[in-house]
Amino acid sequence: MLQSSFEDRKVHVNPNGTLSVSVIIPTKNRLDDLTKAVESLVRQSVLPLELIVVDQSESPEARDRIESQLMQHVSGGDSMISLRYIYDPKIPGGAVARNRAMEVASSDVWLFLDDDVELEPLFVEELLKLYVHRASVTGVSGVVTNYPMPSFFSRLWAAIFRRGPFHDERQQIYWHADALRESEPIRVNKFGGGLMSFRASAVRHVRFDENLRGVSDGEDIDFCARLGHGAELWMTPKARLIHKESTAGRERDHWLKRDASSSYFHYWKNWNQGVRNRLCFFWLNAGYGLVATFGSLRAGSLRPWKAMLEGAREGRAVVAGAERTSSR
């Protein structure tokens, strides 16, 4: 394992404070994407103290590539970033991988990144500014700058049917990332898993739900929900990255399956209390039924309906499995 070297070069802490950062990246069979993500990380104006890579790939070739990248930047005059490389192809998904990393993370702030992102040079520094200036902050996220705005009908459907806890305030911030570039931080209720950070003291005893496997859809929203209503979550538009959404290892299910699976999981685990939430869930299902019906008529196939129902069953089954495990 590479060791840190604190020299008077590029610093590991925010110039206005003393916070250190552990960067956590789960990866699986995306060596080229991971290489670009690490390259953008070592070019940060404020370097992390450590990089924790949890590799579920078919071979551990990423270790040598990352070590070489880190060494090149040391020879260029930058401080060393400590590398913790965990190789285990038996890890069943992103949620479990992030938990493995959290067991060894040692810094004040834990930054979770996807392996197919590229950070702008001030990303880490802008996150840390908020932690330094607001002691009450639980977590800070940046923004994705390359998400295209969906079609008018997709946005209309979401505006009508995604109500209450199902409303996703992140997306409009991403769509208007350029216009919001110099904006002040925005209070939110949920983060995206590929660019979220937390104060370690606030999440040290929280873990991602390991009943979610594979790409672990919904792990990020669930994690944020379990922090409770008192958690202060902020999104700062000045911390920017692009998310390339690598095709390697991505599921290609109908979007209704993944969407319904995530919504059912969140509802039955976190949001099935109160009349308002129940009405919002009923209304969302009405929206699913509407779009599945139109999709089936257009395609001349029941595939959209089958995808929605399969996703709903999967989301509910994940929660039921977790309940059985906890009752043992």
Protein backbone atom coordinates (compact mmCIF):
# COMPACT_ATOMS: atom_id res chain seq x y z
CA MET A 1 0.00 0.00 0.00
CA LEU A 2 1.26 3.44 -0.88
CA GLN A 3 1.83 5.74 2.06
CA SER A 4 1.05 9.43 2.42
CA SER A 5 3.82 11.99 2.28
CA PHE A 6 3.00 15.39 3.72
CA GLU A 7 5.24 17.89 2.01
CA ASP A 8 4.84 21.58 1.26
CA ARG A 9 3.41 21.04 -2.20
CA LYS A 10 -0.20 20.55 -3.17
CA VAL A 11 -2.10 20.20 0.12
CA HIS A 12 -4.38 17.49 1.48
CA VAL A 13 -6.63 19.94 3.31
CA ASN A 14 -8.74 22.91 2.46
CA PRO A 15 -6.69 26.11 2.77
CA ASN A 16 -9.40 27.41 5.11
CA GLY A 17 -9.54 24.40 7.40
CA THR A 18 -8.01 21.11 8.43
CA LEU A 19 -10.34 18.50 6.98
CA SER A 20 -8.94 15.41 5.30
CA VAL A 21 -10.79 13.40 2.63
CA SER A 22 -11.09 9.69 1.89
CA VAL A 23 -12.26 9.03 -1.68
CA ILE A 24 -14.16 5.76 -2.12
CA ILE A 25 -14.57 4.26 -5.61
CA PRO A 26 -16.15 0.85 -6.24
CA THR A 27 -15.27 -0.52 -9.67
CA LYS A 28 -15.88 -3.55 -11.86
CA ASN A 29 -14.35 -4.18 -15.28
CA ARG A 30 -13.98 -0.51 -16.18
CA LEU A 31 -10.24 -0.01 -16.16
CA ASP A 32 -10.14 2.78 -18.74
CA ASP A 33 -12.97 4.69 -17.06
CA LEU A 34 -11.35 4.25 -13.65
CA THR A 35 -8.03 5.51 -15.00
CA LYS A 36 -9.66 8.75 -16.17
CA ALA A 37 -11.48 9.18 -12.87
CA VAL A 38 -8.22 8.82 -10.92
CA GLU A 39 -6.46 11.19 -13.31
CA SER A 40 -9.04 13.87 -12.57
CA LEU A 41 -8.65 13.17 -8.86
CA VAL A 42 -4.89 13.70 -8.76
CA ARG A 43 -5.34 17.02 -10.57
CA GLN A 44 -7.48 18.45 -7.79
CA SER A 45 -6.51 21.78 -6.21
CA VAL A 46 -6.94 20.03 -2.85
CA LEU A 47 -5.83 16.41 -2.79
CA PRO A 48 -7.53 13.69 -0.77
CA LEU A 49 -5.58 12.01 1.98
CA GLU A 50 -6.45 8.55 0.69
CA LEU A 51 -8.04 6.78 -2.24
CA ILE A 52 -9.90 3.55 -1.48
CA VAL A 53 -10.66 1.45 -4.55
CA VAL A 54 -12.85 -1.63 -4.09
CA ASP A 55 -12.29 -3.69 -7.22
CA GLN A 56 -14.75 -6.43 -8.18
CA SER A 57 -13.21 -6.99 -11.62
CA GLU A 58 -12.17 -10.25 -13.20
CA SER A 59 -8.50 -9.42 -12.55
CA PRO A 60 -6.61 -6.99 -10.26
CA GLU A 61 -4.78 -5.16 -13.05
CA ALA A 62 -6.17 -1.82 -11.88
CA ARG A 63 -3.80 -1.79 -8.90
CA ASP A 64 -0.65 -1.30 -11.00
CA ARG A 65 -2.33 1.30 -13.19
CA ILE A 66 -3.47 3.39 -10.22
CA GLU A 67 -0.17 3.10 -8.37
CA SER A 68 1.63 4.28 -11.51
CA GLN A 69 -0.70 7.28 -11.81
CA LEU A 70 -0.16 8.29 -8.20
CA MET A 71 3.62 7.91 -8.45
CA GLN A 72 3.75 10.07 -11.57
CA HIS A 73 2.17 12.94 -9.72
CA VAL A 74 4.53 12.56 -6.78
CA SER A 75 7.48 12.88 -9.15
CA GLY A 76 5.79 15.99 -10.56
CA GLY A 77 5.93 17.69 -7.17
CA ASP A 78 2.58 16.80 -5.64
CA SER A 79 2.02 15.08 -2.31
CA MET A 80 1.35 11.37 -2.26
CA ILE A 81 -2.22 10.10 -1.99
CA SER A 82 -2.37 6.93 0.09
CA LEU A 83 -3.90 4.04 -1.86
CA ARG A 84 -5.97 1.35 -0.22
CA TYR A 85 -6.77 -1.22 -2.89
CA ILE A 86 -9.28 -3.94 -2.01
CA TYR A 87 -9.65 -6.69 -4.59
CA ASP A 88 -12.53 -9.11 -4.21
CA PRO A 89 -14.46 -10.30 -7.30
CA LYS A 90 -16.98 -12.03 -5.01
CA ILE A 91 -18.40 -8.73 -3.78
CA PRO A 92 -21.99 -8.76 -5.13
CA GLY A 93 -22.49 -5.08 -5.87
CA GLY A 94 -21.87 -1.40 -5.23
CA ALA A 95 -23.58 -1.27 -1.82
CA VAL A 96 -21.40 -4.02 -0.36
CA ALA A 97 -18.30 -2.52 -1.96
CA ARG A 98 -18.93 0.89 -0.39
CA ASN A 99 -19.42 -0.73 3.00
CA ARG A 100 -16.08 -2.52 2.70
CA ALA A 101 -14.40 0.80 2.02
CA MET A 102 -16.13 2.51 4.95
CA GLU A 103 -14.61 -0.07 7.28
CA VAL A 104 -11.11 1.24 6.56
CA ALA A 105 -11.71 4.92 5.70
CA SER A 106 -9.78 7.17 8.08
CA SER A 107 -10.44 10.79 7.04
CA ASP A 108 -12.80 13.49 8.27
CA VAL A 109 -14.89 13.49 5.08
CA TRP A 110 -15.81 10.46 2.98
CA LEU A 111 -16.37 11.16 -0.71
CA PHE A 112 -18.14 8.46 -2.74
CA LEU A 113 -17.49 8.53 -6.49
CA ASP A 114 -18.49 6.31 -9.39
CA ASP A 115 -15.67 4.90 -11.48
CA ASP A 116 -16.88 6.63 -14.67
CA VAL A 117 -16.79 10.27 -13.56
CA GLU A 118 -14.30 13.04 -14.31
CA LEU A 119 -13.97 15.85 -11.79
CA GLU A 120 -13.30 19.49 -12.51
CA PRO A 121 -10.12 20.64 -10.69
CA LEU A 122 -11.92 22.50 -7.87
CA PHE A 123 -14.39 19.72 -7.05
CA VAL A 124 -12.92 18.57 -3.73
CA GLU A 125 -12.03 22.09 -2.62
CA GLU A 126 -15.57 23.35 -3.20
CA LEU A 127 -17.04 20.48 -1.18
CA LEU A 128 -14.72 21.15 1.73
CA LYS A 129 -15.51 24.85 1.83
CA LEU A 130 -19.05 24.05 2.91
CA TYR A 131 -17.91 21.69 5.66
CA VAL A 132 -15.49 24.28 6.98
CA HIS A 133 -17.92 27.19 6.97
CA ARG A 134 -20.99 25.27 8.22
CA ALA A 135 -20.31 23.01 11.19
CA SER A 136 -23.87 21.65 11.05
CA VAL A 137 -23.50 20.17 7.56
CA THR A 138 -23.93 16.39 7.35
CA GLY A 139 -23.19 15.91 3.67
CA VAL A 140 -22.28 17.79 0.50
CA SER A 141 -22.70 16.77 -3.12
CA GLY A 142 -21.52 18.32 -6.32
CA VAL A 143 -23.44 18.46 -9.60
CA VAL A 144 -23.34 16.45 -12.81
CA THR A 145 -22.84 18.84 -15.73
CA ASN A 146 -23.55 16.62 -18.74
CA TYR A 147 -27.01 15.19 -18.04
CA PRO A 148 -29.27 16.08 -20.98
CA MET A 149 -32.72 17.45 -20.21
CA PRO A 150 -35.35 14.74 -20.85
CA SER A 151 -38.17 15.21 -23.30
CA PHE A 152 -41.04 17.55 -22.46
CA PHE A 153 -43.39 14.61 -21.90
CA SER A 154 -40.96 12.88 -19.54
CA ARG A 155 -40.63 16.04 -17.49
CA LEU A 156 -44.39 16.57 -17.53
CA TRP A 157 -45.00 13.00 -16.34
CA ALA A 158 -42.50 13.42 -13.51
CA ALA A 159 -43.95 16.78 -12.48
CA ILE A 160 -47.45 15.30 -12.32
CA PHE A 161 -46.82 11.90 -10.76
CA ARG A 162 -43.63 12.21 -8.69
CA ARG A 163 -44.96 13.88 -5.59
CA GLY A 164 -43.88 14.01 -1.97
CA PRO A 165 -40.84 11.84 -1.20
CA PHE A 166 -40.77 10.58 -4.79
CA HIS A 167 -39.97 14.03 -6.14
CA ASP A 168 -36.32 14.18 -7.20
CA GLU A 169 -34.97 17.70 -6.75
CA ARG A 170 -31.50 16.66 -7.95
CA GLN A 171 -32.41 16.40 -11.61
CA GLN A 172 -33.42 20.01 -12.22
CA ILE A 173 -30.17 21.15 -10.62
CA TYR A 174 -28.19 18.89 -12.95
CA TRP A 175 -30.12 20.05 -16.03
CA HIS A 176 -29.33 23.69 -15.22
CA ALA A 177 -25.75 23.11 -14.08
CA ASP A 178 -24.29 25.76 -16.37
CA ALA A 179 -26.74 28.46 -15.33
CA LEU A 180 -26.15 27.62 -11.65
CA ARG A 181 -22.33 27.53 -11.91
CA GLU A 182 -21.81 30.46 -9.52
CA SER A 183 -24.84 29.84 -7.34
CA GLU A 184 -24.78 29.34 -3.59
CA PRO A 185 -25.27 25.82 -2.16
CA ILE A 186 -28.79 24.38 -2.40
CA ARG A 187 -30.46 22.38 0.39
CA VAL A 188 -31.64 18.96 -0.81
CA ASN A 189 -33.07 15.75 0.65
CA LYS A 190 -31.11 13.21 -1.33
CA PHE A 191 -27.83 12.70 -3.18
CA GLY A 192 -26.64 10.74 -6.18
CA GLY A 193 -24.32 7.89 -5.22
CA GLY A 194 -21.64 8.80 -7.75
CA LEU A 195 -20.71 12.19 -6.28
CA MET A 196 -21.77 12.42 -2.65
CA SER A 197 -19.75 13.13 0.48
CA PHE A 198 -20.46 13.00 4.19
CA ARG A 199 -18.85 14.09 7.40
CA ALA A 200 -17.38 10.84 8.72
CA SER A 201 -18.57 11.48 12.26
CA ALA A 202 -22.18 11.62 11.01
CA VAL A 203 -22.18 8.35 9.02
CA ARG A 204 -19.55 6.23 10.71
CA HIS A 205 -22.16 3.78 11.99
CA VAL A 206 -24.47 3.90 8.95
CA ARG A 207 -24.12 1.40 6.14
CA PHE A 208 -25.53 0.89 2.66
CA ASP A 209 -28.24 -1.77 2.38
CA GLU A 210 -26.44 -4.94 1.31
CA ASN A 211 -29.69 -6.52 0.18
CA LEU A 212 -29.27 -4.33 -2.92
CA ARG A 213 -27.08 -6.19 -5.38
CA GLY A 214 -25.44 -5.43 -8.71
CA VAL A 215 -25.69 -1.73 -9.56
CA SER A 216 -27.63 -1.33 -6.29
CA ASP A 217 -30.29 1.05 -7.61
CA GLY A 218 -31.56 3.28 -4.83
CA GLU A 219 -28.73 2.75 -2.37
CA ASP A 220 -27.91 6.46 -2.36
CA ILE A 221 -31.44 7.70 -1.62
CA ASP A 222 -31.92 5.01 1.01
CA PHE A 223 -28.65 5.95 2.71
CA CYS A 224 -29.70 9.61 2.86
CA ALA A 225 -33.18 8.75 4.12
CA ARG A 226 -31.77 6.76 7.02
CA LEU A 227 -29.75 9.76 8.21
CA GLY A 228 -33.02 11.20 9.52
CA HIS A 229 -34.80 14.52 9.19
CA GLY A 230 -32.11 16.34 11.14
CA ALA A 231 -29.44 15.66 8.51
CA GLU A 232 -28.25 18.73 6.58
CA LEU A 233 -27.62 17.78 2.97
CA TRP A 234 -26.40 20.41 0.51
CA MET A 235 -25.56 20.45 -3.17
CA THR A 236 -22.96 22.96 -4.30
CA PRO A 237 -23.09 23.84 -8.01
CA LYS A 238 -19.44 24.95 -7.89
CA ALA A 239 -18.29 21.34 -7.38
CA ARG A 240 -18.71 19.94 -10.87
CA LEU A 241 -18.07 16.70 -12.73
CA ILE A 242 -19.16 14.82 -15.81
CA HIS A 243 -20.67 11.36 -15.53
CA LYS A 244 -19.94 9.31 -18.61
CA GLU A 245 -22.30 6.46 -17.65
CA SER A 246 -20.06 3.72 -18.97
CA THR A 247 -21.89 0.93 -20.76
CA ALA A 248 -19.62 -1.69 -19.15
CA GLY A 249 -21.54 -3.64 -16.53
CA ARG A 250 -24.74 -1.62 -16.87
CA GLU A 251 -28.10 -3.33 -16.82
CA ARG A 252 -30.20 -2.83 -19.92
CA ASP A 253 -33.63 -3.48 -18.48
CA HIS A 254 -36.65 -1.43 -19.52
CA TRP A 255 -36.54 1.88 -17.60
CA LEU A 256 -39.91 1.11 -15.98
CA LYS A 257 -38.47 -1.98 -14.28
CA ARG A 258 -35.58 -0.12 -12.67
CA ASP A 259 -37.71 2.89 -11.78
CA ALA A 260 -40.50 0.84 -10.20
CA SER A 261 -38.02 -1.38 -8.37
CA SER A 262 -36.33 1.63 -6.80
CA SER A 263 -39.61 3.36 -5.90
CA TYR A 264 -41.13 0.26 -4.33
CA PHE A 265 -37.96 -0.39 -2.38
CA HIS A 266 -37.89 3.15 -0.97
CA TYR A 267 -41.60 3.21 -0.19
CA TRP A 268 -41.74 -0.07 1.69
CA LYS A 269 -38.49 0.57 3.54
CA ASN A 270 -38.60 4.29 4.35
CA TRP A 271 -41.76 6.08 3.23
CA ASN A 272 -44.80 3.88 3.99
CA GLN A 273 -45.90 5.97 6.96
CA GLY A 274 -48.55 8.68 6.91
CA VAL A 275 -51.54 9.38 4.71
CA ARG A 276 -49.64 11.82 2.49
CA ASN A 277 -46.90 9.36 1.59
CA ARG A 278 -49.43 6.63 0.89
CA LEU A 279 -51.40 8.90 -1.41
CA CYS A 280 -48.19 9.89 -3.21
CA PHE A 281 -47.34 6.22 -3.69
CA PHE A 282 -50.82 5.47 -5.04
CA TRP A 283 -50.53 8.44 -7.43
CA LEU A 284 -47.10 7.31 -8.64
CA ASN A 285 -48.51 3.86 -9.40
CA ALA A 286 -51.27 5.51 -11.39
CA GLY A 287 -48.54 7.23 -13.39
CA TYR A 288 -46.72 3.95 -13.92
CA GLY A 289 -49.95 2.36 -15.13
CA LEU A 290 -50.60 5.21 -17.53
CA VAL A 291 -47.16 5.18 -19.13
CA ALA A 292 -47.09 1.36 -19.24
CA THR A 293 -50.44 1.33 -21.02
CA PHE A 294 -49.40 3.91 -23.62
CA GLY A 295 -46.05 2.16 -24.05
CA SER A 296 -47.71 -1.20 -24.58
CA LEU A 297 -50.17 0.20 -27.12
CA ARG A 298 -47.39 1.92 -29.01
CA ALA A 299 -45.14 -1.16 -29.05
CA GLY A 300 -47.92 -3.65 -29.63
CA SER A 301 -46.51 -5.58 -26.70
CA LEU A 302 -47.11 -5.97 -22.98
CA ARG A 303 -43.39 -5.59 -22.31
CA PRO A 304 -43.74 -2.19 -20.53
CA TRP A 305 -46.44 -3.56 -18.22
CA LYS A 306 -44.42 -6.69 -17.50
CA ALA A 307 -41.32 -4.59 -16.79
CA MET A 308 -43.19 -2.35 -14.36
CA LEU A 309 -44.75 -5.28 -12.49
CA GLU A 310 -41.45 -7.15 -12.35
CA GLY A 311 -39.68 -4.09 -10.97
CA ALA A 312 -42.40 -3.58 -8.34
CA ARG A 313 -42.07 -7.19 -7.22
CA GLU A 314 -38.28 -6.93 -7.06
CA GLY A 315 -38.31 -3.74 -4.98
CA ARG A 316 -40.81 -5.17 -2.52
CA ALA A 317 -38.89 -8.46 -2.34
CA VAL A 318 -35.65 -6.71 -1.38
CA VAL A 319 -37.34 -5.12 1.63
CA ALA A 320 -39.10 -8.35 2.58
CA GLY A 321 -35.78 -10.21 2.44
CA ALA A 322 -34.16 -7.62 4.67
CA GLU A 323 -37.02 -7.87 7.15
CA ARG A 324 -36.66 -11.66 7.32
CA THR A 325 -32.91 -11.34 7.87
CA SER A 326 -33.31 -8.81 10.67
CA SER A 327 -35.94 -10.92 12.44
CA ARG A 328 -33.68 -13.94 12.76
